Amino acid sequence: MIVGISVFELHLPSVGSLKEKRRIVKPLVERLHQRFRVSIMESDFHDLHQRTEIAIAAVHQSENQMNRLMDSLRKVIEETGDAQLLFWEPQLLDARP
């Protein structure tokens, strides 16, 4: 069993308020959760208008599956028109005995 953890740091250049930020981040988090069935949350920069960090965790049976999932997540985030990916740090942990 492979556990994948990833942190995505995003810049939201068109955002001018926390309310506008929520209108972008919340649907993105919900879309990723529904499409990929991962555990996901906004994990940092809660008080900044134009910046956010999203943390994601998932479990798969193989490293190849996990790498494909992480790449798919990154691709969807990069295709989000309102957000620019600044930083991405995937980590894979082998949880086999």
N, C-alpha and C. Protein backbone atom coordinates (compact mmCIF):
# COMPACT_ATOMS: atom_id res chain seq x y z
N MET A 1 0.85 -1.17 0.00
CA MET A 1 0.00 0.00 0.00
C MET A 1 0.90 1.24 0.00
N ILE A 2 0.57 2.18 -0.89
CA ILE A 2 1.32 3.42 -1.03
C ILE A 2 0.43 4.58 -0.61
N VAL A 3 0.95 5.43 0.26
CA VAL A 3 0.25 6.63 0.69
C VAL A 3 0.90 7.81 -0.02
N GLY A 4 0.08 8.61 -0.66
CA GLY A 4 0.56 9.79 -1.36
C GLY A 4 0.07 11.04 -0.65
N ILE A 5 0.99 11.95 -0.42
CA ILE A 5 0.66 13.24 0.20
C ILE A 5 1.24 14.31 -0.71
N SER A 6 0.44 15.33 -0.98
CA SER A 6 0.91 16.39 -1.85
C SER A 6 0.42 17.74 -1.35
N VAL A 7 1.26 18.74 -1.50
CA VAL A 7 0.92 20.11 -1.13
C VAL A 7 1.03 20.95 -2.40
N PHE A 8 -0.04 21.68 -2.69
CA PHE A 8 -0.08 22.58 -3.83
C PHE A 8 -0.22 24.01 -3.31
N GLU A 9 0.70 24.86 -3.68
CA GLU A 9 0.61 26.27 -3.32
C GLU A 9 0.18 27.04 -4.57
N LEU A 10 -0.88 27.83 -4.43
CA LEU A 10 -1.46 28.51 -5.57
C LEU A 10 -1.48 30.02 -5.38
N HIS A 11 -1.31 30.73 -6.50
CA HIS A 11 -1.46 32.18 -6.53
C HIS A 11 -2.76 32.48 -7.26
N LEU A 12 -3.58 33.37 -6.70
CA LEU A 12 -4.87 33.74 -7.27
C LEU A 12 -4.81 35.22 -7.64
N PRO A 13 -4.26 35.56 -8.81
CA PRO A 13 -3.95 36.96 -9.13
C PRO A 13 -5.17 37.87 -9.26
N SER A 14 -6.32 37.34 -9.62
CA SER A 14 -7.49 38.20 -9.85
C SER A 14 -8.35 38.42 -8.60
N VAL A 15 -7.95 37.83 -7.48
CA VAL A 15 -8.75 37.87 -6.26
C VAL A 15 -8.45 39.14 -5.47
N GLY A 16 -9.53 39.80 -5.00
CA GLY A 16 -9.36 41.02 -4.21
C GLY A 16 -9.94 40.92 -2.82
N SER A 17 -10.56 39.79 -2.50
CA SER A 17 -11.15 39.63 -1.16
C SER A 17 -11.18 38.15 -0.80
N LEU A 18 -11.38 37.89 0.49
CA LEU A 18 -11.47 36.50 0.94
C LEU A 18 -12.72 35.83 0.37
N LYS A 19 -13.78 36.59 0.16
CA LYS A 19 -15.01 36.05 -0.42
C LYS A 19 -14.76 35.58 -1.86
N GLU A 20 -14.03 36.37 -2.64
CA GLU A 20 -13.68 35.97 -4.01
C GLU A 20 -12.78 34.73 -3.99
N LYS A 21 -11.86 34.69 -3.04
CA LYS A 21 -10.97 33.54 -2.91
C LYS A 21 -11.78 32.28 -2.65
N ARG A 22 -12.76 32.34 -1.75
CA ARG A 22 -13.61 31.19 -1.46
C ARG A 22 -14.35 30.70 -2.70
N ARG A 23 -14.78 31.63 -3.56
CA ARG A 23 -15.49 31.26 -4.78
C ARG A 23 -14.62 30.48 -5.76
N ILE A 24 -13.32 30.58 -5.63
CA ILE A 24 -12.41 29.82 -6.49
C ILE A 24 -11.95 28.54 -5.79
N VAL A 25 -11.52 28.66 -4.54
CA VAL A 25 -10.90 27.54 -3.84
C VAL A 25 -11.91 26.45 -3.48
N LYS A 26 -13.05 26.81 -2.96
CA LYS A 26 -14.03 25.81 -2.53
C LYS A 26 -14.48 24.90 -3.68
N PRO A 27 -14.87 25.45 -4.84
CA PRO A 27 -15.25 24.56 -5.95
C PRO A 27 -14.10 23.68 -6.44
N LEU A 28 -12.88 24.23 -6.42
CA LEU A 28 -11.71 23.43 -6.83
C LEU A 28 -11.51 22.26 -5.89
N VAL A 29 -11.56 22.50 -4.59
CA VAL A 29 -11.40 21.43 -3.60
C VAL A 29 -12.51 20.39 -3.77
N GLU A 30 -13.74 20.83 -3.94
CA GLU A 30 -14.85 19.89 -4.10
C GLU A 30 -14.72 19.08 -5.39
N ARG A 31 -14.31 19.74 -6.48
CA ARG A 31 -14.14 19.04 -7.75
C ARG A 31 -13.06 17.96 -7.66
N LEU A 32 -11.93 18.28 -7.04
CA LEU A 32 -10.85 17.30 -6.89
C LEU A 32 -11.29 16.13 -6.01
N HIS A 33 -12.00 16.45 -4.93
CA HIS A 33 -12.47 15.38 -4.03
C HIS A 33 -13.44 14.45 -4.76
N GLN A 34 -14.40 15.01 -5.47
CA GLN A 34 -15.40 14.19 -6.15
C GLN A 34 -14.80 13.40 -7.31
N ARG A 35 -13.92 14.02 -8.06
CA ARG A 35 -13.36 13.35 -9.24
C ARG A 35 -12.35 12.26 -8.89
N PHE A 36 -11.51 12.52 -7.88
CA PHE A 36 -10.42 11.60 -7.58
C PHE A 36 -10.58 10.84 -6.27
N ARG A 37 -11.59 11.18 -5.47
CA ARG A 37 -11.83 10.53 -4.18
C ARG A 37 -10.60 10.56 -3.28
N VAL A 38 -10.08 11.76 -3.09
CA VAL A 38 -8.92 11.98 -2.24
C VAL A 38 -9.35 12.78 -1.01
N SER A 39 -8.57 12.72 0.03
CA SER A 39 -8.76 13.60 1.18
C SER A 39 -8.07 14.91 0.85
N ILE A 40 -8.79 16.01 1.02
CA ILE A 40 -8.26 17.29 0.56
C ILE A 40 -8.76 18.41 1.46
N MET A 41 -7.91 19.41 1.65
CA MET A 41 -8.30 20.58 2.45
C MET A 41 -7.45 21.78 2.08
N GLU A 42 -8.00 22.95 2.32
CA GLU A 42 -7.20 24.17 2.24
C GLU A 42 -6.39 24.22 3.52
N SER A 43 -5.07 24.18 3.41
CA SER A 43 -4.24 23.96 4.60
C SER A 43 -3.43 25.17 5.08
N ASP A 44 -3.35 26.23 4.30
CA ASP A 44 -2.55 27.38 4.74
C ASP A 44 -2.98 28.64 3.98
N PHE A 45 -2.47 29.77 4.45
CA PHE A 45 -2.71 31.09 3.86
C PHE A 45 -4.19 31.47 3.90
N HIS A 46 -4.87 31.14 4.97
CA HIS A 46 -6.31 31.40 5.10
C HIS A 46 -6.64 32.88 5.09
N ASP A 47 -5.75 33.72 5.56
CA ASP A 47 -6.04 35.15 5.67
C ASP A 47 -5.48 35.98 4.52
N LEU A 48 -4.84 35.33 3.55
CA LEU A 48 -4.30 36.05 2.40
C LEU A 48 -5.26 35.93 1.22
N HIS A 49 -5.50 37.02 0.53
CA HIS A 49 -6.45 37.04 -0.58
C HIS A 49 -5.96 36.26 -1.79
N GLN A 50 -4.72 36.43 -2.16
CA GLN A 50 -4.25 35.92 -3.44
C GLN A 50 -3.37 34.68 -3.33
N ARG A 51 -3.41 34.02 -2.22
CA ARG A 51 -2.56 32.85 -2.04
C ARG A 51 -3.31 31.79 -1.26
N THR A 52 -3.10 30.53 -1.63
CA THR A 52 -3.68 29.43 -0.87
C THR A 52 -2.78 28.20 -0.98
N GLU A 53 -2.96 27.30 -0.05
CA GLU A 53 -2.25 26.03 -0.07
C GLU A 53 -3.30 24.94 0.09
N ILE A 54 -3.24 23.94 -0.77
CA ILE A 54 -4.16 22.81 -0.72
C ILE A 54 -3.33 21.56 -0.45
N ALA A 55 -3.73 20.79 0.56
CA ALA A 55 -3.06 19.54 0.90
C ALA A 55 -3.96 18.37 0.52
N ILE A 56 -3.35 17.34 -0.06
CA ILE A 56 -4.09 16.18 -0.55
C ILE A 56 -3.42 14.91 -0.05
N ALA A 57 -4.25 13.92 0.33
CA ALA A 57 -3.74 12.61 0.74
C ALA A 57 -4.58 11.53 0.07
N ALA A 58 -3.91 10.44 -0.33
CA ALA A 58 -4.60 9.33 -0.99
C ALA A 58 -3.84 8.03 -0.74
N VAL A 59 -4.52 6.91 -0.96
CA VAL A 59 -3.92 5.59 -0.80
C VAL A 59 -4.17 4.79 -2.07
N HIS A 60 -3.12 4.11 -2.56
CA HIS A 60 -3.24 3.22 -3.72
C HIS A 60 -2.42 1.98 -3.47
N GLN A 61 -2.64 0.98 -4.32
CA GLN A 61 -1.93 -0.28 -4.16
C GLN A 61 -0.52 -0.26 -4.72
N SER A 62 -0.27 0.61 -5.69
CA SER A 62 1.06 0.62 -6.30
C SER A 62 1.59 2.04 -6.47
N GLU A 63 2.88 2.13 -6.58
CA GLU A 63 3.55 3.42 -6.77
C GLU A 63 3.18 4.02 -8.12
N ASN A 64 3.04 3.18 -9.15
CA ASN A 64 2.66 3.68 -10.48
C ASN A 64 1.28 4.33 -10.45
N GLN A 65 0.32 3.69 -9.78
CA GLN A 65 -1.02 4.26 -9.66
C GLN A 65 -0.97 5.60 -8.93
N MET A 66 -0.18 5.65 -7.88
CA MET A 66 -0.09 6.88 -7.10
C MET A 66 0.56 7.99 -7.91
N ASN A 67 1.60 7.68 -8.66
CA ASN A 67 2.25 8.69 -9.50
C ASN A 67 1.29 9.23 -10.55
N ARG A 68 0.49 8.34 -11.16
CA ARG A 68 -0.50 8.77 -12.15
C ARG A 68 -1.56 9.68 -11.49
N LEU A 69 -2.00 9.32 -10.29
CA LEU A 69 -2.97 10.13 -9.58
C LEU A 69 -2.40 11.51 -9.28
N MET A 70 -1.20 11.58 -8.75
CA MET A 70 -0.58 12.86 -8.42
C MET A 70 -0.42 13.73 -9.66
N ASP A 71 -0.02 13.12 -10.78
CA ASP A 71 0.12 13.88 -12.02
C ASP A 71 -1.23 14.38 -12.52
N SER A 72 -2.27 13.57 -12.36
CA SER A 72 -3.62 13.98 -12.76
C SER A 72 -4.11 15.14 -11.91
N LEU A 73 -3.87 15.08 -10.62
CA LEU A 73 -4.25 16.17 -9.72
C LEU A 73 -3.55 17.46 -10.12
N ARG A 74 -2.27 17.37 -10.36
CA ARG A 74 -1.49 18.55 -10.75
C ARG A 74 -2.01 19.13 -12.06
N LYS A 75 -2.33 18.27 -13.01
CA LYS A 75 -2.83 18.72 -14.31
C LYS A 75 -4.14 19.48 -14.16
N VAL A 76 -5.07 18.96 -13.36
CA VAL A 76 -6.36 19.63 -13.15
C VAL A 76 -6.14 20.98 -12.48
N ILE A 77 -5.26 21.03 -11.49
CA ILE A 77 -4.99 22.29 -10.80
C ILE A 77 -4.34 23.30 -11.75
N GLU A 78 -3.40 22.86 -12.57
CA GLU A 78 -2.73 23.76 -13.51
C GLU A 78 -3.71 24.30 -14.56
N GLU A 79 -4.75 23.53 -14.88
CA GLU A 79 -5.72 23.95 -15.88
C GLU A 79 -6.78 24.90 -15.31
N THR A 80 -6.75 25.11 -14.01
CA THR A 80 -7.68 26.05 -13.39
C THR A 80 -7.28 27.46 -13.81
N GLY A 81 -8.18 28.13 -14.51
CA GLY A 81 -7.86 29.44 -15.08
C GLY A 81 -7.62 30.53 -14.06
N ASP A 82 -8.22 30.41 -12.88
CA ASP A 82 -8.10 31.47 -11.88
C ASP A 82 -6.93 31.29 -10.93
N ALA A 83 -6.20 30.19 -11.05
CA ALA A 83 -5.12 29.89 -10.11
C ALA A 83 -3.85 29.51 -10.86
N GLN A 84 -2.73 29.97 -10.33
CA GLN A 84 -1.43 29.61 -10.90
C GLN A 84 -0.68 28.76 -9.87
N LEU A 85 -0.19 27.62 -10.31
CA LEU A 85 0.55 26.73 -9.43
C LEU A 85 1.95 27.30 -9.18
N LEU A 86 2.24 27.60 -7.91
CA LEU A 86 3.55 28.13 -7.53
C LEU A 86 4.50 27.04 -7.05
N PHE A 87 3.93 26.06 -6.36
CA PHE A 87 4.76 25.06 -5.68
C PHE A 87 3.98 23.76 -5.60
N TRP A 88 4.66 22.66 -5.83
CA TRP A 88 4.03 21.35 -5.76
C TRP A 88 5.04 20.39 -5.16
N GLU A 89 4.66 19.73 -4.09
CA GLU A 89 5.57 18.81 -3.42
C GLU A 89 4.88 17.48 -3.13
N PRO A 90 4.94 16.52 -4.08
CA PRO A 90 4.36 15.21 -3.82
C PRO A 90 5.33 14.34 -3.02
N GLN A 91 4.77 13.53 -2.14
CA GLN A 91 5.56 12.58 -1.36
C GLN A 91 4.84 11.24 -1.36
N LEU A 92 5.59 10.17 -1.59
CA LEU A 92 5.04 8.83 -1.55
C LEU A 92 5.64 8.08 -0.37
N LEU A 93 4.78 7.43 0.38
CA LEU A 93 5.21 6.66 1.54
C LEU A 93 4.78 5.22 1.36
N ASP A 94 5.70 4.31 1.54
CA ASP A 94 5.40 2.89 1.44
C ASP A 94 4.89 2.41 2.78
N ALA A 95 3.63 2.03 2.86
CA ALA A 95 3.02 1.62 4.13
C ALA A 95 2.91 0.11 4.25
N ARG A 96 3.64 -0.62 3.44
CA ARG A 96 3.60 -2.09 3.53
C ARG A 96 4.45 -2.57 4.70
N PRO A 97 4.00 -3.63 5.33
CA PRO A 97 4.77 -4.16 6.49
C PRO A 97 6.10 -4.76 6.08
